Structures are given as C-alpha cells and as structure tokens.
Amino acid sequence: MRLIFLFLLMIFSLLIISIVFVYMISPREKVGGEKIAIIEVKGVISLDEQEGFFSTSATTPEKFKRFFERALSDNSVKAILIEINSPGGSVVASDEIANIIKKSNKPVVAWIGEIGTSGAYYIASACDYIVASKGSLTGSIGVISIFTDYSGLLKKLGINVTVIKAGKYKDMGSGYRPLTQEEIEMLENISYQIYDMFIEEVADNRNLSKDYVRKIAEGRLYTGLQAKEVGLVDEVGTKEDAIEIAKKLANITKKPEIVYYREKTFLQEILGITSTYFGYGFGKALLEYAGVPESGQRGRAQDPLA
C-alpha cells in the first residue's frame, strides 16, 4: 500500500513539474509582420481587481495601461483595437483609461460588442473611431449613486445602532438612518458636477457641442443604429469591420496579424497550454502507431506551437 502511495505521489509530482515547465517555456506571441493589437475592456471598470484561481474580473487602469504600453512599444503593432463589452463603472478608473488612450501615437479604434455604456462609452469616446454592433447597447451618459436605507428593517427586528462620529456628515449614507434633505442636495450637487465633466469629455472627444451632448445624454440607452444617428458612434459594424477600419487608419496594405493582449487566470493558462501539447503529442503518437509519416503528398504536419 505504501509503495502504491509513493508511486502515485511520484507521478503527481512529475505531472506538476511538467505543467510548470510547459508554462514557463510556452511561447507568448508571434514575431514579425504588421499587427493590429486587440485590448479588451470587459466587465466592471474599477480601480481594483478581484482575481481568483479560476476567474478574473474588472478592467483596471493598471492592467489596461500595461497592455496598451506594450502595444505602443511594439514597432510591428500599427494600430490598436479596443474591444468593449462593459456596462461601465468607476468614474476615476474610466477617466484614467481614457487619458491613457489619448496619449497614443498609433490609431485607436473602439468596437462596442454587446454593451458599452456609461464609463465604457466614456472610454470609447477617447478613441479615434468608434464602431458599434447594430444590436449593441451604448450611451447611458449620466451619473448614478444608490444608497440603501435599512433603518426601518432594523427597527422591526429590534436592532439598535449606536453611531459615534466626529463630523456632522460622517455617517451619511451609512444605511442606519435616512438621508436628510441637506445631504440629498449635497450628493446631487456632486453627481451633477461629475455629469458635467462627463458631458464635457464626450463633447470634446466627439467634436460635438456641450448643449447637444446634454440633449442626447440624460442617461439614455441607444442601440448601435440609434447611436450612429445621434453621432455617438462613427459606424455600425462587426468586429471585422472595426479591424478593417483600424487597418486603413494605419495604412496597412497587406493582411495584418491580429494579436490579443489579454490576461488569463493561471488555471486557464495551464489548461490551454497542456491541452495543446497533449493533443499534439497524442495525435502524433497515433500517426506513428498507424505507420503514417509526418510528411507526405498533403505536406508536412505543422507543430501548433512552432
């Protein structure tokens, strides 16, 4: 029994070492040719990211900047496509990403897939050109703050809350008590100030007047087709259409190589790499067992990782 356990432990250890080795030596991207880099803005836009072993969430300025600067420093990358599928998020994070885009010395095209609203549209507006899928949702130029008042529920449950504070408004929005009218007005003033900043940014980025943007804003949602009509996007089209526009803006004459700059979880990386190696090795073993050579009339079989 002990020998079986040691044998299984040895096999497991070899498997782990093999996986780590494959992960370390696996190639990351091809070299050569004119490229269009695709950077994704997906999920909630936030200053902080929650990342686990199985999944990643949120688009952060730090992560976006890392990919964007990598694309800018690669001389073979001639244009950048921002693929957007996000409902928006943090005002500060959206503004940070928009400012990163504005510093680009290469053409930047935004493609809005399913959704690109609020802060995500804020980011799209900073790009040189915006393409939206006809059925996408975009716009929602506005600001929202939500405060939950559960003081009534606490009272019914017989729960008393004692708040000790220094500062009249320090417990504002805590949920232990309703907001006062003065506090509501204070928060409304903040929201309207941020709203004006949002409108000013979109107007400047899209070469529209502030009055016009204010008229079409008000938190309204638009489909891609409607957004084109009101001037929030430049064209309605597919991702391939957006790539073609990026190609033209970058004066690329031949078919460009498309490279994705995206972050995967460790588990995704491991599963993807090991499955590729295993699939190739298993298929090659079957061919050798069947006596089929690697090369023949149909040409040499290509290593998928070569």
C-alpha atoms as a PDB file:
ATOM      1  CA  MET A   1       0.000   0.000   0.000  1.00  0.00           C
ATOM      2  CA  ARG A   2       2.847   2.320   0.905  1.00  0.00           C
ATOM      3  CA  LEU A   3       4.585   1.597  -2.413  1.00  0.00           C
ATOM      4  CA  ILE A   4       1.402   2.413  -4.327  1.00  0.00           C
ATOM      5  CA  PHE A   5       1.094   5.716  -2.454  1.00  0.00           C
ATOM      6  CA  LEU A   6       4.719   6.633  -3.194  1.00  0.00           C
ATOM      7  CA  PHE A   7       4.266   5.702  -6.852  1.00  0.00           C
ATOM      8  CA  LEU A   8       1.164   7.892  -7.167  1.00  0.00           C
ATOM      9  CA  LEU A   9       2.940  10.723  -5.362  1.00  0.00           C
ATOM     10  CA  MET A  10       5.862  10.474  -7.790  1.00  0.00           C
ATOM     11  CA  ILE A  11       3.518  10.526 -10.802  1.00  0.00           C
ATOM     12  CA  PHE A  12       1.668  13.544  -9.401  1.00  0.00           C
ATOM     13  CA  SER A  13       4.945  15.380  -8.724  1.00  0.00           C
ATOM     14  CA  LEU A  14       6.190  14.713 -12.257  1.00  0.00           C
ATOM     15  CA  LEU A  15       2.884  15.987 -13.644  1.00  0.00           C
ATOM     16  CA  ILE A  16       3.132  19.234 -11.664  1.00  0.00           C
ATOM     17  CA  ILE A  17       6.762  19.754 -12.730  1.00  0.00           C
ATOM     18  CA  SER A  18       5.834  19.093 -16.374  1.00  0.00           C
ATOM     19  CA  ILE A  19       2.950  21.567 -16.242  1.00  0.00           C
ATOM     20  CA  VAL A  20       5.112  24.304 -14.710  1.00  0.00           C
ATOM     21  CA  PHE A  21       7.876  23.616 -17.248  1.00  0.00           C
ATOM     22  CA  VAL A  22       5.448  23.816 -20.167  1.00  0.00           C
ATOM     23  CA  TYR A  23       4.003  27.011 -18.761  1.00  0.00           C
ATOM     24  CA  MET A  24       7.444  28.605 -18.473  1.00  0.00           C
ATOM     25  CA  ILE A  25       8.690  27.703 -21.957  1.00  0.00           C
ATOM     26  CA  SER A  26       5.449  28.230 -23.876  1.00  0.00           C
ATOM     27  CA  PRO A  27       5.679  30.985 -26.498  1.00  0.00           C
ATOM     28  CA  ARG A  28       3.528  34.047 -25.903  1.00  0.00           C
ATOM     29  CA  GLU A  29       3.195  35.675 -29.289  1.00  0.00           C
ATOM     30  CA  LYS A  30       4.466  35.531 -32.824  1.00  0.00           C
ATOM     31  CA  VAL A  31       7.051  37.944 -34.170  1.00  0.00           C
ATOM     32  CA  GLY A  32       7.120  39.744 -37.496  1.00  0.00           C
ATOM     33  CA  GLY A  33       4.626  41.327 -39.874  1.00  0.00           C
ATOM     34  CA  GLU A  34       2.315  44.291 -39.385  1.00  0.00           C
ATOM     35  CA  LYS A  35      -0.045  43.771 -36.476  1.00  0.00           C
ATOM     36  CA  ILE A  36      -3.263  45.098 -35.020  1.00  0.00           C
ATOM     37  CA  ALA A  37      -3.375  44.651 -31.259  1.00  0.00           C
ATOM     38  CA  ILE A  38      -6.695  43.945 -29.569  1.00  0.00           C
ATOM     39  CA  ILE A  39      -7.130  45.023 -25.954  1.00  0.00           C
ATOM     40  CA  GLU A  40     -10.321  44.147 -24.113  1.00  0.00           C
ATOM     41  CA  VAL A  41     -12.419  46.321 -21.820  1.00  0.00           C
ATOM     42  CA  LYS A  42     -14.748  43.797 -20.218  1.00  0.00           C
ATOM     43  CA  GLY A  43     -16.780  43.599 -17.053  1.00  0.00           C
ATOM     44  CA  VAL A  44     -16.957  46.359 -14.484  1.00  0.00           C
ATOM     45  CA  ILE A  45     -14.417  49.173 -14.794  1.00  0.00           C
ATOM     46  CA  SER A  46     -12.731  49.634 -11.429  1.00  0.00           C
ATOM     47  CA  LEU A  47      -9.563  50.827  -9.750  1.00  0.00           C
ATOM     48  CA  ASP A  48      -9.285  47.483  -8.002  1.00  0.00           C
ATOM     49  CA  GLU A  49      -9.486  43.993  -9.405  1.00  0.00           C
ATOM     50  CA  GLN A  50     -10.682  40.838  -7.735  1.00  0.00           C
ATOM     51  CA  GLU A  51      -8.792  37.926  -9.166  1.00  0.00           C
ATOM     52  CA  GLY A  52      -9.017  34.296  -8.241  1.00  0.00           C
ATOM     53  CA  PHE A  53      -7.557  30.986  -9.329  1.00  0.00           C
ATOM     54  CA  PHE A  54     -10.499  30.275 -11.634  1.00  0.00           C
ATOM     55  CA  SER A  55     -11.527  33.715 -12.888  1.00  0.00           C
ATOM     56  CA  THR A  56     -10.603  37.362 -13.295  1.00  0.00           C
ATOM     57  CA  SER A  57     -12.986  40.271 -13.044  1.00  0.00           C
ATOM     58  CA  ALA A  58     -12.950  44.012 -13.684  1.00  0.00           C
ATOM     59  CA  THR A  59     -10.962  46.156 -16.089  1.00  0.00           C
ATOM     60  CA  THR A  60      -8.490  48.316 -14.222  1.00  0.00           C
ATOM     61  CA  PRO A  61      -6.345  51.246 -15.419  1.00  0.00           C
ATOM     62  CA  GLU A  62      -3.220  49.421 -14.260  1.00  0.00           C
ATOM     63  CA  LYS A  63      -3.924  46.317 -16.305  1.00  0.00           C
ATOM     64  CA  PHE A  64      -5.095  48.333 -19.318  1.00  0.00           C
ATOM     65  CA  LYS A  65      -2.007  50.547 -19.209  1.00  0.00           C
ATOM     66  CA  ARG A  66       0.266  47.503 -19.126  1.00  0.00           C
ATOM     67  CA  PHE A  67      -1.273  46.070 -22.292  1.00  0.00           C
ATOM     68  CA  PHE A  68      -1.559  49.456 -24.027  1.00  0.00           C
ATOM     69  CA  GLU A  69       2.065  50.440 -23.431  1.00  0.00           C
ATOM     70  CA  ARG A  70       3.130  47.008 -24.607  1.00  0.00           C
ATOM     71  CA  ALA A  71       1.273  47.596 -27.882  1.00  0.00           C
ATOM     72  CA  LEU A  72       2.779  51.067 -28.250  1.00  0.00           C
ATOM     73  CA  SER A  73       6.327  49.813 -27.681  1.00  0.00           C
ATOM     74  CA  ASP A  74       5.971  47.056 -30.288  1.00  0.00           C
ATOM     75  CA  ASN A  75       7.017  48.596 -33.619  1.00  0.00           C
ATOM     76  CA  SER A  76       5.215  45.863 -35.527  1.00  0.00           C
ATOM     77  CA  VAL A  77       1.867  46.919 -33.994  1.00  0.00           C
ATOM     78  CA  LYS A  78       0.477  49.595 -36.292  1.00  0.00           C
ATOM     79  CA  ALA A  79      -2.984  50.082 -34.771  1.00  0.00           C
ATOM     80  CA  ILE A  80      -4.906  49.213 -31.618  1.00  0.00           C
ATOM     81  CA  LEU A  81      -8.484  47.943 -31.376  1.00  0.00           C
ATOM     82  CA  ILE A  82     -10.283  48.355 -28.044  1.00  0.00           C
ATOM     83  CA  GLU A  83     -12.909  45.607 -27.789  1.00  0.00           C
ATOM     84  CA  ILE A  84     -15.592  46.815 -25.381  1.00  0.00           C
ATOM     85  CA  ASN A  85     -18.161  44.715 -23.572  1.00  0.00           C
ATOM     86  CA  SER A  86     -18.778  46.564 -20.315  1.00  0.00           C
ATOM     87  CA  PRO A  87     -21.631  48.358 -18.510  1.00  0.00           C
ATOM     88  CA  GLY A  88     -19.198  50.924 -17.128  1.00  0.00           C
ATOM     89  CA  GLY A  89     -18.104  51.502 -13.569  1.00  0.00           C
ATOM     90  CA  SER A  90     -15.832  53.859 -11.676  1.00  0.00           C
ATOM     91  CA  VAL A  91     -15.631  57.457 -12.901  1.00  0.00           C
ATOM     92  CA  VAL A  92     -11.988  57.756 -11.882  1.00  0.00           C
ATOM     93  CA  ALA A  93     -10.966  54.435 -13.464  1.00  0.00           C
ATOM     94  CA  SER A  94     -12.785  55.272 -16.719  1.00  0.00           C
ATOM     95  CA  ASP A  95     -11.099  58.669 -16.881  1.00  0.00           C
ATOM     96  CA  GLU A  96      -7.678  57.108 -16.237  1.00  0.00           C
ATOM     97  CA  ILE A  97      -8.131  54.654 -19.122  1.00  0.00           C
ATOM     98  CA  ALA A  98      -9.451  57.381 -21.447  1.00  0.00           C
ATOM     99  CA  ASN A  99      -6.365  59.503 -20.733  1.00  0.00           C
ATOM    100  CA  ILE A 100      -4.092  56.535 -21.487  1.00  0.00           C
ATOM    101  CA  ILE A 101      -5.766  56.153 -24.897  1.00  0.00           C
ATOM    102  CA  LYS A 102      -5.416  59.850 -25.703  1.00  0.00           C
ATOM    103  CA  LYS A 103      -1.636  59.617 -25.391  1.00  0.00           C
ATOM    104  CA  SER A 104      -1.408  57.051 -28.185  1.00  0.00           C
ATOM    105  CA  ASN A 105       0.730  57.825 -31.224  1.00  0.00           C
ATOM    106  CA  LYS A 106      -0.989  54.994 -33.118  1.00  0.00           C
ATOM    107  CA  PRO A 107      -4.568  54.827 -34.440  1.00  0.00           C
ATOM    108  CA  VAL A 108      -7.019  53.529 -31.835  1.00  0.00           C
ATOM    109  CA  VAL A 109     -10.417  52.132 -32.837  1.00  0.00           C
ATOM    110  CA  ALA A 110     -13.159  51.107 -30.404  1.00  0.00           C
ATOM    111  CA  TRP A 111     -15.573  48.281 -31.155  1.00  0.00           C
ATOM    112  CA  ILE A 112     -18.639  48.023 -28.925  1.00  0.00           C
ATOM    113  CA  GLY A 113     -19.943  44.464 -28.858  1.00  0.00           C
ATOM    114  CA  GLU A 114     -22.938  43.690 -26.667  1.00  0.00           C
ATOM    115  CA  ILE A 115     -22.688  46.673 -24.342  1.00  0.00           C
ATOM    116  CA  GLY A 116     -20.589  49.790 -23.950  1.00  0.00           C
ATOM    117  CA  THR A 117     -22.412  52.150 -21.622  1.00  0.00           C
ATOM    118  CA  SER A 118     -21.606  54.833 -19.070  1.00  0.00           C
ATOM    119  CA  GLY A 119     -17.876  54.632 -18.195  1.00  0.00           C
ATOM    120  CA  ALA A 120     -17.291  52.159 -21.038  1.00  0.00           C
ATOM    121  CA  TYR A 121     -18.657  54.690 -23.530  1.00  0.00           C
ATOM    122  CA  TYR A 122     -16.523  57.343 -21.820  1.00  0.00           C
ATOM    123  CA  ILE A 123     -13.516  55.202 -22.778  1.00  0.00           C
ATOM    124  CA  ALA A 124     -14.792  54.591 -26.322  1.00  0.00           C
ATOM    125  CA  SER A 125     -15.221  58.323 -26.905  1.00  0.00           C
ATOM    126  CA  ALA A 126     -11.474  58.813 -26.363  1.00  0.00           C
ATOM    127  CA  CYS A 127     -10.678  56.613 -29.385  1.00  0.00           C
ATOM    128  CA  ASP A 128     -10.094  57.908 -32.916  1.00  0.00           C
ATOM    129  CA  TYR A 129     -13.032  55.970 -34.325  1.00  0.00           C
ATOM    130  CA  ILE A 130     -15.986  54.078 -32.819  1.00  0.00           C
ATOM    131  CA  VAL A 131     -17.701  51.097 -34.416  1.00  0.00           C
ATOM    132  CA  ALA A 132     -20.728  49.569 -32.694  1.00  0.00           C
ATOM    133  CA  SER A 133     -22.607  46.380 -33.372  1.00  0.00           C
ATOM    134  CA  LYS A 134     -26.093  47.288 -34.571  1.00  0.00           C
ATOM    135  CA  GLY A 135     -27.720  45.462 -31.680  1.00  0.00           C
ATOM    136  CA  SER A 136     -25.349  46.732 -29.017  1.00  0.00           C
ATOM    137  CA  LEU A 137     -26.361  48.957 -26.122  1.00  0.00           C
ATOM    138  CA  THR A 138     -24.386  52.135 -25.683  1.00  0.00           C
ATOM    139  CA  GLY A 139     -24.688  55.672 -24.351  1.00  0.00           C
ATOM    140  CA  SER A 140     -26.134  55.947 -20.829  1.00  0.00           C
ATOM    141  CA  ILE A 141     -24.235  59.194 -20.367  1.00  0.00           C
ATOM    142  CA  GLY A 142     -25.074  60.013 -16.783  1.00  0.00           C
ATOM    143  CA  VAL A 143     -24.175  59.512 -13.140  1.00  0.00           C
ATOM    144  CA  ILE A 144     -25.921  57.419 -10.502  1.00  0.00           C
ATOM    145  CA  SER A 145     -25.450  56.953  -6.765  1.00  0.00           C
ATOM    146  CA  ILE A 146     -27.522  54.466  -4.791  1.00  0.00           C
ATOM    147  CA  PHE A 147     -27.876  54.491  -1.006  1.00  0.00           C
ATOM    148  CA  THR A 148     -29.834  51.816   0.831  1.00  0.00           C
ATOM    149  CA  ASP A 149     -31.789  52.808   3.935  1.00  0.00           C
ATOM    150  CA  TYR A 150     -32.457  49.752   6.092  1.00  0.00           C
ATOM    151  CA  SER A 151     -33.204  51.642   9.313  1.00  0.00           C
ATOM    152  CA  GLY A 152     -36.874  50.602   9.109  1.00  0.00           C
ATOM    153  CA  LEU A 153     -35.909  46.929   8.890  1.00  0.00           C
ATOM    154  CA  LEU A 154     -33.544  47.261  11.847  1.00  0.00           C
ATOM    155  CA  LYS A 155     -36.346  48.830  13.883  1.00  0.00           C
ATOM    156  CA  LYS A 156     -38.718  45.940  13.089  1.00  0.00           C
ATOM    157  CA  LEU A 157     -36.052  43.443  14.113  1.00  0.00           C
ATOM    158  CA  GLY A 158     -35.430  45.308  17.337  1.00  0.00           C
ATOM    159  CA  ILE A 159     -31.839  46.127  16.464  1.00  0.00           C
ATOM    160  CA  ASN A 160     -30.461  49.409  17.773  1.00  0.00           C
ATOM    161  CA  VAL A 161     -27.392  51.014  16.215  1.00  0.00           C
ATOM    162  CA  THR A 162     -25.255  53.490  18.123  1.00  0.00           C
ATOM    163  CA  VAL A 163     -23.090  55.707  15.894  1.00  0.00           C
ATOM    164  CA  ILE A 164     -20.197  57.646  17.400  1.00  0.00           C
ATOM    165  CA  LYS A 165     -18.847  60.196  14.950  1.00  0.00           C
ATOM    166  CA  ALA A 166     -16.741  63.316  14.630  1.00  0.00           C
ATOM    167  CA  GLY A 167     -18.176  65.378  11.817  1.00  0.00           C
ATOM    168  CA  LYS A 168     -21.811  66.167  11.030  1.00  0.00           C
ATOM    169  CA  TYR A 169     -21.940  64.148   7.788  1.00  0.00           C
ATOM    170  CA  LYS A 170     -19.594  61.310   8.704  1.00  0.00           C
ATOM    171  CA  ASP A 171     -22.385  58.697   8.786  1.00  0.00           C
ATOM    172  CA  MET A 172     -24.082  59.993   5.637  1.00  0.00           C
ATOM    173  CA  GLY A 173     -25.296  57.074   3.517  1.00  0.00           C
ATOM    174  CA  SER A 174     -24.465  54.515   6.193  1.00  0.00           C
ATOM    175  CA  GLY A 175     -27.922  52.946   5.873  1.00  0.00           C
ATOM    176  CA  TYR A 176     -28.578  53.144   9.623  1.00  0.00           C
ATOM    177  CA  ARG A 177     -30.706  56.255   9.078  1.00  0.00           C
ATOM    178  CA  PRO A 178     -32.414  58.028   6.151  1.00  0.00           C
ATOM    179  CA  LEU A 179     -30.538  60.772   4.317  1.00  0.00           C
ATOM    180  CA  THR A 180     -31.536  64.292   5.289  1.00  0.00           C
ATOM    181  CA  GLN A 181     -32.713  66.742   2.642  1.00  0.00           C
ATOM    182  CA  GLU A 182     -29.480  68.686   3.065  1.00  0.00           C
ATOM    183  CA  GLU A 183     -27.442  65.529   2.430  1.00  0.00           C
ATOM    184  CA  ILE A 184     -29.519  64.627  -0.632  1.00  0.00           C
ATOM    185  CA  GLU A 185     -28.879  68.090  -2.090  1.00  0.00           C
ATOM    186  CA  MET A 186     -25.163  67.761  -1.321  1.00  0.00           C
ATOM    187  CA  LEU A 187     -24.941  64.415  -3.131  1.00  0.00           C
ATOM    188  CA  GLU A 188     -26.992  65.750  -6.051  1.00  0.00           C
ATOM    189  CA  ASN A 189     -24.524  68.620  -6.481  1.00  0.00           C
ATOM    190  CA  ILE A 190     -21.647  66.144  -6.615  1.00  0.00           C
ATOM    191  CA  SER A 191     -23.491  63.988  -9.162  1.00  0.00           C
ATOM    192  CA  TYR A 192     -24.266  66.974 -11.392  1.00  0.00           C
ATOM    193  CA  GLN A 193     -20.654  68.135 -11.260  1.00  0.00           C
ATOM    194  CA  ILE A 194     -19.433  64.700 -12.392  1.00  0.00           C
ATOM    195  CA  TYR A 195     -22.220  64.642 -15.004  1.00  0.00           C
ATOM    196  CA  ASP A 196     -20.995  67.961 -16.432  1.00  0.00           C
ATOM    197  CA  MET A 197     -17.455  66.566 -16.584  1.00  0.00           C
ATOM    198  CA  PHE A 198     -18.776  63.506 -18.455  1.00  0.00           C
ATOM    199  CA  ILE A 199     -20.660  65.663 -20.968  1.00  0.00           C
ATOM    200  CA  GLU A 200     -17.674  67.951 -21.487  1.00  0.00           C
ATOM    201  CA  GLU A 201     -15.387  64.978 -22.110  1.00  0.00           C
ATOM    202  CA  VAL A 202     -17.725  63.365 -24.661  1.00  0.00           C
ATOM    203  CA  ALA A 203     -18.335  66.700 -26.408  1.00  0.00           C
ATOM    204  CA  ASP A 204     -14.593  67.328 -26.703  1.00  0.00           C
ATOM    205  CA  ASN A 205     -13.774  63.792 -27.840  1.00  0.00           C
ATOM    206  CA  ARG A 206     -16.586  63.602 -30.395  1.00  0.00           C
ATOM    207  CA  ASN A 207     -16.328  67.217 -31.654  1.00  0.00           C
ATOM    208  CA  LEU A 208     -19.878  67.947 -30.548  1.00  0.00           C
ATOM    209  CA  SER A 209     -21.285  70.916 -28.659  1.00  0.00           C
ATOM    210  CA  LYS A 210     -21.939  70.518 -24.939  1.00  0.00           C
ATOM    211  CA  ASP A 211     -25.548  71.588 -25.399  1.00  0.00           C
ATOM    212  CA  TYR A 212     -26.084  68.863 -27.999  1.00  0.00           C
ATOM    213  CA  VAL A 213     -24.459  66.164 -25.860  1.00  0.00           C
ATOM    214  CA  ARG A 214     -26.530  67.290 -22.878  1.00  0.00           C
ATOM    215  CA  LYS A 215     -29.664  66.976 -25.013  1.00  0.00           C
ATOM    216  CA  ILE A 216     -28.946  63.390 -26.115  1.00  0.00           C
ATOM    217  CA  ALA A 217     -27.460  62.284 -22.789  1.00  0.00           C
ATOM    218  CA  GLU A 218     -29.699  62.171 -19.698  1.00  0.00           C
ATOM    219  CA  GLY A 219     -28.728  58.551 -19.097  1.00  0.00           C
ATOM    220  CA  ARG A 220     -30.441  57.345 -22.263  1.00  0.00           C
ATOM    221  CA  LEU A 221     -29.585  53.990 -23.768  1.00  0.00           C
ATOM    222  CA  TYR A 222     -29.088  53.682 -27.524  1.00  0.00           C
ATOM    223  CA  THR A 223     -28.714  50.722 -29.834  1.00  0.00           C
ATOM    224  CA  GLY A 224     -25.772  50.799 -32.196  1.00  0.00           C
ATOM    225  CA  LEU A 225     -28.048  52.015 -35.000  1.00  0.00           C
ATOM    226  CA  GLN A 226     -29.516  54.791 -32.851  1.00  0.00           C
ATOM    227  CA  ALA A 227     -26.092  55.808 -31.582  1.00  0.00           C
ATOM    228  CA  LYS A 228     -24.946  56.261 -35.176  1.00  0.00           C
ATOM    229  CA  GLU A 229     -27.931  58.512 -35.880  1.00  0.00           C
ATOM    230  CA  VAL A 230     -27.168  60.836 -32.953  1.00  0.00           C
ATOM    231  CA  GLY A 231     -23.408  60.881 -33.565  1.00  0.00           C
ATOM    232  CA  LEU A 232     -22.215  58.872 -30.570  1.00  0.00           C
ATOM    233  CA  VAL A 233     -20.523  56.312 -32.859  1.00  0.00           C
ATOM    234  CA  ASP A 234     -18.986  56.639 -36.308  1.00  0.00           C
ATOM    235  CA  GLU A 235     -20.157  53.411 -37.877  1.00  0.00           C
ATOM    236  CA  VAL A 236     -22.331  50.368 -37.301  1.00  0.00           C
ATOM    237  CA  GLY A 237     -20.498  47.137 -37.994  1.00  0.00           C
ATOM    238  CA  THR A 238     -18.897  43.916 -36.881  1.00  0.00           C
ATOM    239  CA  LYS A 239     -15.575  43.320 -35.217  1.00  0.00           C
ATOM    240  CA  GLU A 240     -14.126  42.502 -38.631  1.00  0.00           C
ATOM    241  CA  ASP A 241     -15.351  45.900 -39.878  1.00  0.00           C
ATOM    242  CA  ALA A 242     -13.597  47.584 -36.966  1.00  0.00           C
ATOM    243  CA  ILE A 243     -10.380  45.710 -37.759  1.00  0.00           C
ATOM    244  CA  GLU A 244     -10.631  46.818 -41.382  1.00  0.00           C
ATOM    245  CA  ILE A 245     -11.032  50.455 -40.311  1.00  0.00           C
ATOM    246  CA  ALA A 246      -8.005  50.154 -37.997  1.00  0.00           C
ATOM    247  CA  LYS A 247      -6.092  48.706 -40.935  1.00  0.00           C
ATOM    248  CA  LYS A 248      -6.977  51.693 -43.138  1.00  0.00           C
ATOM    249  CA  LEU A 249      -6.160  54.256 -40.447  1.00  0.00           C
ATOM    250  CA  ALA A 250      -2.742  52.645 -40.003  1.00  0.00           C
ATOM    251  CA  ASN A 251      -2.136  52.471 -43.780  1.00  0.00           C
ATOM    252  CA  ILE A 252      -1.616  48.709 -43.636  1.00  0.00           C
ATOM    253  CA  THR A 253      -1.664  47.355 -47.184  1.00  0.00           C
ATOM    254  CA  LYS A 254      -1.396  43.622 -46.539  1.00  0.00           C
ATOM    255  CA  LYS A 255      -3.473  41.393 -44.303  1.00  0.00           C
ATOM    256  CA  PRO A 256      -2.430  42.250 -40.730  1.00  0.00           C
ATOM    257  CA  GLU A 257      -1.679  39.795 -37.977  1.00  0.00           C
ATOM    258  CA  ILE A 258      -4.208  40.086 -35.137  1.00  0.00           C
ATOM    259  CA  VAL A 259      -2.729  39.774 -31.661  1.00  0.00           C
ATOM    260  CA  TYR A 260      -4.725  39.687 -28.444  1.00  0.00           C
ATOM    261  CA  TYR A 261      -3.396  41.287 -25.305  1.00  0.00           C
ATOM    262  CA  ARG A 262      -5.473  39.686 -22.589  1.00  0.00           C
ATOM    263  CA  GLU A 263      -4.937  38.338 -19.138  1.00  0.00           C
ATOM    264  CA  LYS A 264      -5.859  34.769 -18.248  1.00  0.00           C
ATOM    265  CA  THR A 265      -6.012  33.091 -14.903  1.00  0.00           C
ATOM    266  CA  PHE A 266      -3.214  30.672 -14.039  1.00  0.00           C
ATOM    267  CA  LEU A 267      -5.664  27.769 -14.395  1.00  0.00           C
ATOM    268  CA  GLN A 268      -6.733  28.906 -17.889  1.00  0.00           C
ATOM    269  CA  GLU A 269      -3.121  29.226 -18.977  1.00  0.00           C
ATOM    270  CA  ILE A 270      -2.225  25.781 -17.654  1.00  0.00           C
ATOM    271  CA  LEU A 271      -5.254  24.042 -19.154  1.00  0.00           C
ATOM    272  CA  GLY A 272      -4.807  25.753 -22.521  1.00  0.00           C
ATOM    273  CA  ILE A 273      -1.110  25.014 -22.852  1.00  0.00           C
ATOM    274  CA  THR A 274      -1.174  21.448 -21.541  1.00  0.00           C
ATOM    275  CA  SER A 275      -4.168  20.518 -23.692  1.00  0.00           C
ATOM    276  CA  THR A 276      -2.335  21.784 -26.785  1.00  0.00           C
ATOM    277  CA  TYR A 277       0.809  19.806 -26.006  1.00  0.00           C
ATOM    278  CA  PHE A 278      -1.155  16.728 -25.006  1.00  0.00           C
ATOM    279  CA  GLY A 279      -3.365  16.894 -28.119  1.00  0.00           C
ATOM    280  CA  TYR A 280      -0.384  17.240 -30.426  1.00  0.00           C
ATOM    281  CA  GLY A 281       1.615  14.516 -28.705  1.00  0.00           C
ATOM    282  CA  PHE A 282      -1.315  12.112 -28.591  1.00  0.00           C
ATOM    283  CA  GLY A 283      -2.178  12.720 -32.256  1.00  0.00           C
ATOM    284  CA  LYS A 284       1.438  12.262 -33.307  1.00  0.00           C
ATOM    285  CA  ALA A 285       1.673   9.012 -31.348  1.00  0.00           C
ATOM    286  CA  LEU A 286      -1.414   7.660 -33.102  1.00  0.00           C
ATOM    287  CA  LEU A 287       0.018   8.529 -36.523  1.00  0.00           C
ATOM    288  CA  GLU A 288       3.312   6.853 -35.689  1.00  0.00           C
ATOM    289  CA  TYR A 289       1.481   3.765 -34.388  1.00  0.00           C
ATOM    290  CA  ALA A 290      -0.531   3.614 -37.604  1.00  0.00           C
ATOM    291  CA  GLY A 291       2.647   3.947 -39.666  1.00  0.00           C
ATOM    292  CA  VAL A 292       1.685   7.292 -41.203  1.00  0.00           C
ATOM    293  CA  PRO A 293       4.713   9.575 -41.797  1.00  0.00           C
ATOM    294  CA  GLU A 294       4.608  13.230 -40.728  1.00  0.00           C
ATOM    295  CA  SER A 295       5.136  14.416 -44.291  1.00  0.00           C
ATOM    296  CA  GLY A 296       3.564  13.250 -47.496  1.00  0.00           C
ATOM    297  CA  GLN A 297       1.601  14.399 -50.516  1.00  0.00           C
ATOM    298  CA  ARG A 298      -0.521  16.715 -48.373  1.00  0.00           C
ATOM    299  CA  GLY A 299       2.509  18.443 -46.862  1.00  0.00           C
ATOM    300  CA  ARG A 300       4.274  18.302 -43.554  1.00  0.00           C
ATOM    301  CA  ALA A 301       2.199  18.398 -40.403  1.00  0.00           C
ATOM    302  CA  GLN A 302       2.840  21.666 -38.529  1.00  0.00           C
ATOM    303  CA  ASP A 303       3.592  21.882 -34.845  1.00  0.00           C
ATOM    304  CA  PRO A 304       0.845  24.141 -33.473  1.00  0.00           C
ATOM    305  CA  LEU A 305       3.370  25.756 -31.169  1.00  0.00           C
ATOM    306  CA  ALA A 306       6.107  26.274 -33.735  1.00  0.00           C
END
